[in-house]
C-alpha atoms as a PDB file:
ATOM      1  CA  MET A   1     122.988 -20.999 224.263  1.00  0.00           C
ATOM      2  CA  ALA A   2     122.265 -17.295 223.799  1.00  0.00           C
ATOM      3  CA  ILE A   3     118.616 -17.744 224.765  1.00  0.00           C
ATOM      4  CA  GLY A   4     119.759 -19.100 228.134  1.00  0.00           C
ATOM      5  CA  TRP A   5     121.783 -15.928 228.798  1.00  0.00           C
ATOM      6  CA  ILE A   6     118.839 -13.769 227.783  1.00  0.00           C
ATOM      7  CA  ILE A   7     116.503 -15.638 230.131  1.00  0.00           C
ATOM      8  CA  ALA A   8     119.048 -15.459 232.967  1.00  0.00           C
ATOM      9  CA  GLY A   9     119.490 -11.724 232.354  1.00  0.00           C
ATOM     10  CA  LEU A  10     115.752 -11.100 232.386  1.00  0.00           C
ATOM     11  CA  ALA A  11     115.379 -13.149 235.570  1.00  0.00           C
ATOM     12  CA  ALA A  12     118.167 -11.169 237.259  1.00  0.00           C
ATOM     13  CA  LEU A  13     116.603  -7.889 236.116  1.00  0.00           C
ATOM     14  CA  GLY A  14     113.212  -8.964 237.446  1.00  0.00           C
ATOM     15  CA  LEU A  15     114.714 -10.047 240.769  1.00  0.00           C
ATOM     16  CA  GLY A  16     116.567  -6.729 241.058  1.00  0.00           C
ATOM     17  CA  MET A  17     113.393  -4.757 240.373  1.00  0.00           C
ATOM     18  CA  TYR A  18     111.482  -6.844 242.943  1.00  0.00           C
ATOM     19  CA  VAL A  19     114.118  -6.220 245.623  1.00  0.00           C
ATOM     20  CA  ILE A  20     114.172  -2.470 244.904  1.00  0.00           C
ATOM     21  CA  ILE A  21     110.372  -2.217 245.031  1.00  0.00           C
ATOM     22  CA  LYS A  22     110.083  -4.332 248.184  1.00  0.00           C
ATOM     23  CA  TYR A  23     112.801  -2.468 250.111  1.00  0.00           C
ATOM     24  CA  TRP A  24     112.338   0.993 248.567  1.00  0.00           C
ATOM     25  CA  GLU A  25     111.659   2.753 251.896  1.00  0.00           C
ATOM     26  CA  GLN A  26     114.875   1.436 253.445  1.00  0.00           C
ATOM     27  CA  ILE A  27     116.845   2.163 250.264  1.00  0.00           C
ATOM     28  CA  ARG A  28     115.492   5.721 250.141  1.00  0.00           C
ATOM     29  CA  ASP A  29     116.316   6.341 253.812  1.00  0.00           C
ATOM     30  CA  TRP A  30     119.835   4.972 253.308  1.00  0.00           C
ATOM     31  CA  LEU A  31     120.389   7.142 250.219  1.00  0.00           C
ATOM     32  CA  ASN A  32     119.156  10.209 252.115  1.00  0.00           C
ATOM     33  CA  LYS A  33     121.866   9.547 254.715  1.00  0.00           C
ATOM     34  CA  VAL A  34     124.664   8.557 252.356  1.00  0.00           C
ATOM     35  CA  ILE A  35     124.363  11.177 249.599  1.00  0.00           C
ATOM     36  CA  PRO A  36     124.960  14.237 251.851  1.00  0.00           C
ATOM     37  CA  ALA A  37     127.910  12.458 253.470  1.00  0.00           C
ATOM     38  CA  VAL A  38     129.416  11.693 250.060  1.00  0.00           C
ATOM     39  CA  ARG A  39     128.906  15.313 248.985  1.00  0.00           C
ATOM     40  CA  GLU A  40     130.738  16.559 252.088  1.00  0.00           C
ATOM     41  CA  LEU A  41     133.507  14.039 251.501  1.00  0.00           C
ATOM     42  CA  LEU A  42     133.922  15.221 247.906  1.00  0.00           C
ATOM     43  CA  LYS A  43     134.041  18.870 249.053  1.00  0.00           C
ATOM     44  CA  THR A  44     136.714  17.985 251.603  1.00  0.00           C
ATOM     45  CA  VAL A  45     138.740  16.060 249.029  1.00  0.00           C
ATOM     46  CA  ALA A  46     138.454  18.909 246.513  1.00  0.00           C
ATOM     47  CA  HIS A  47     139.554  21.408 249.160  1.00  0.00           C
ATOM     48  CA  GLY A  48     142.485  19.179 250.099  1.00  0.00           C
ATOM     49  CA  ILE A  49     143.542  18.863 246.476  1.00  0.00           C
ATOM     50  CA  ALA A  50     143.349  22.639 246.033  1.00  0.00           C
ATOM     51  CA  VAL A  51     145.474  23.266 249.144  1.00  0.00           C
ATOM     52  CA  PHE A  52     147.951  20.604 248.032  1.00  0.00           C
ATOM     53  CA  ALA A  53     148.210  22.115 244.565  1.00  0.00           C
ATOM     54  CA  GLN A  54     148.767  25.592 245.972  1.00  0.00           C
ATOM     55  CA  LYS A  55     151.446  24.388 248.401  1.00  0.00           C
ATOM     56  CA  VAL A  56     153.265  21.757 246.373  1.00  0.00           C
ATOM     57  CA  ALA A  57     152.677  22.606 242.733  1.00  0.00           C
ATOM     58  CA  PRO A  58     152.006  26.344 242.309  1.00  0.00           C
ATOM     59  CA  GLY A  59     153.306  26.200 238.732  1.00  0.00           C
ATOM     60  CA  VAL A  60     150.618  23.688 237.830  1.00  0.00           C
ATOM     61  CA  VAL A  61     147.913  25.901 239.320  1.00  0.00           C
ATOM     62  CA  ASP A  62     149.266  28.882 237.388  1.00  0.00           C
ATOM     63  CA  PHE A  63     149.272  26.817 234.208  1.00  0.00           C
ATOM     64  CA  LEU A  64     145.620  25.883 234.706  1.00  0.00           C
ATOM     65  CA  HIS A  65     144.721  29.575 234.661  1.00  0.00           C
ATOM     66  CA  ARG A  66     146.111  30.043 231.171  1.00  0.00           C
ATOM     67  CA  VAL A  67     144.651  29.223 227.779  1.00  0.00           C
ATOM     68  CA  TYR A  68     146.894  28.742 224.758  1.00  0.00           C
ATOM     69  CA  TYR A  69     145.608  28.844 221.207  1.00  0.00           C
ATOM     70  CA  LYS A  70     146.596  29.852 217.706  1.00  0.00           C
ATOM     71  CA  GLU A  71     144.832  32.662 215.867  1.00  0.00           C
ATOM     72  CA  ASN A  72     145.836  33.990 212.423  1.00  0.00           C
ATOM     73  CA  ASN A  73     149.075  31.978 212.594  1.00  0.00           C
ATOM     74  CA  LYS A  74     150.014  33.675 215.892  1.00  0.00           C
ATOM     75  CA  TRP A  75     150.231  31.925 219.231  1.00  0.00           C
ATOM     76  CA  ILE A  76     148.069  33.479 221.930  1.00  0.00           C
ATOM     77  CA  ARG A  77     148.374  32.983 225.681  1.00  0.00           C
ATOM     78  CA  GLU A  78     145.308  34.228 227.494  1.00  0.00           C
ATOM     79  CA  THR A  79     145.770  34.600 231.227  1.00  0.00           C
ATOM     80  CA  ARG A  80     142.533  34.118 233.069  1.00  0.00           C
ATOM     81  CA  THR A  81     143.557  35.474 236.442  1.00  0.00           C
ATOM     82  CA  GLU A  82     143.526  39.059 237.535  1.00  0.00           C
ATOM     83  CA  GLU A  83     143.222  40.863 240.822  1.00  0.00           C
ATOM     84  CA  ILE A  84     139.830  42.417 241.403  1.00  0.00           C
ATOM     85  CA  SER A  85     138.115  44.201 244.247  1.00  0.00           C
ATOM     86  CA  GLU A  86     135.798  42.302 246.569  1.00  0.00           C
ATOM     87  CA  SER A  87     132.795  44.193 245.212  1.00  0.00           C
ATOM     88  CA  GLU A  88     133.407  42.681 241.766  1.00  0.00           C
ATOM     89  CA  VAL A  89     132.967  39.133 243.073  1.00  0.00           C
ATOM     90  CA  PRO A  90     129.355  37.887 242.842  1.00  0.00           C
ATOM     91  CA  ASP A  91     127.708  37.578 246.253  1.00  0.00           C
ATOM     92  CA  HIS A  92     127.081  33.821 246.019  1.00  0.00           C
ATOM     93  CA  ILE A  93     130.729  33.106 245.182  1.00  0.00           C
ATOM     94  CA  ARG A  94     132.007  35.404 247.936  1.00  0.00           C
ATOM     95  CA  TYR A  95     129.718  33.645 250.418  1.00  0.00           C
ATOM     96  CA  LYS A  96     130.974  30.186 249.393  1.00  0.00           C
ATOM     97  CA  ILE A  97     134.615  31.209 249.667  1.00  0.00           C
ATOM     98  CA  ASN A  98     134.172  32.992 252.982  1.00  0.00           C
ATOM     99  CA  SER A  99     132.301  30.040 254.497  1.00  0.00           C
ATOM    100  CA  GLN A 100     134.865  27.384 253.490  1.00  0.00           C
ATOM    101  CA  GLU A 101     137.517  25.956 255.758  1.00  0.00           C
ATOM    102  CA  ARG A 102     140.828  27.761 255.820  1.00  0.00           C
ATOM    103  CA  ASP A 103     144.328  26.296 255.578  1.00  0.00           C
ATOM    104  CA  VAL A 104     145.735  27.055 259.017  1.00  0.00           C
ATOM    105  CA  SER A 105     148.698  24.688 258.840  1.00  0.00           C
ATOM    106  CA  LYS A 106     151.233  27.537 259.125  1.00  0.00           C
ATOM    107  CA  GLU A 107     149.383  29.053 262.076  1.00  0.00           C
ATOM    108  CA  ILE A 108     149.254  25.829 264.102  1.00  0.00           C
ATOM    109  CA  GLN A 109     152.693  24.517 263.095  1.00  0.00           C
ATOM    110  CA  PRO A 110     154.415  25.845 266.267  1.00  0.00           C
ATOM    111  CA  GLU A 111     151.744  24.183 268.419  1.00  0.00           C
ATOM    112  CA  LEU A 112     152.176  20.897 266.577  1.00  0.00           C
ATOM    113  CA  LYS A 113     155.942  21.008 267.118  1.00  0.00           C
ATOM    114  CA  TYR A 114     155.369  21.698 270.818  1.00  0.00           C
ATOM    115  CA  GLN A 115     152.975  18.779 271.210  1.00  0.00           C
ATOM    116  CA  LEU A 116     154.969  16.338 269.083  1.00  0.00           C
ATOM    117  CA  GLY A 117     158.442  17.471 270.179  1.00  0.00           C
END
């Protein structure tokens, strides 16, 4: 009984490898199209989650910037956020933030009301 499953598994593995080898060019081309699209989708979703968290649950975002731990029988709350000057932000991070989409929902809200109203 078990030998039958092993043979079936090996046959399926062999068939899968054959299909991948035979159609590798098409698979590679498809992956080259799909992977960048998935990356952009994930960036958009992450940005949407960040905007949602800032708008709807600011307390949760604040909580995520804190670390709690116990040291020498004393509770410690370490706050990880502080205001800094722009020159203190590494160039690559500043570039990423400045090149991202902005939340303009408050700016276009009057226009939306005009069009929908």
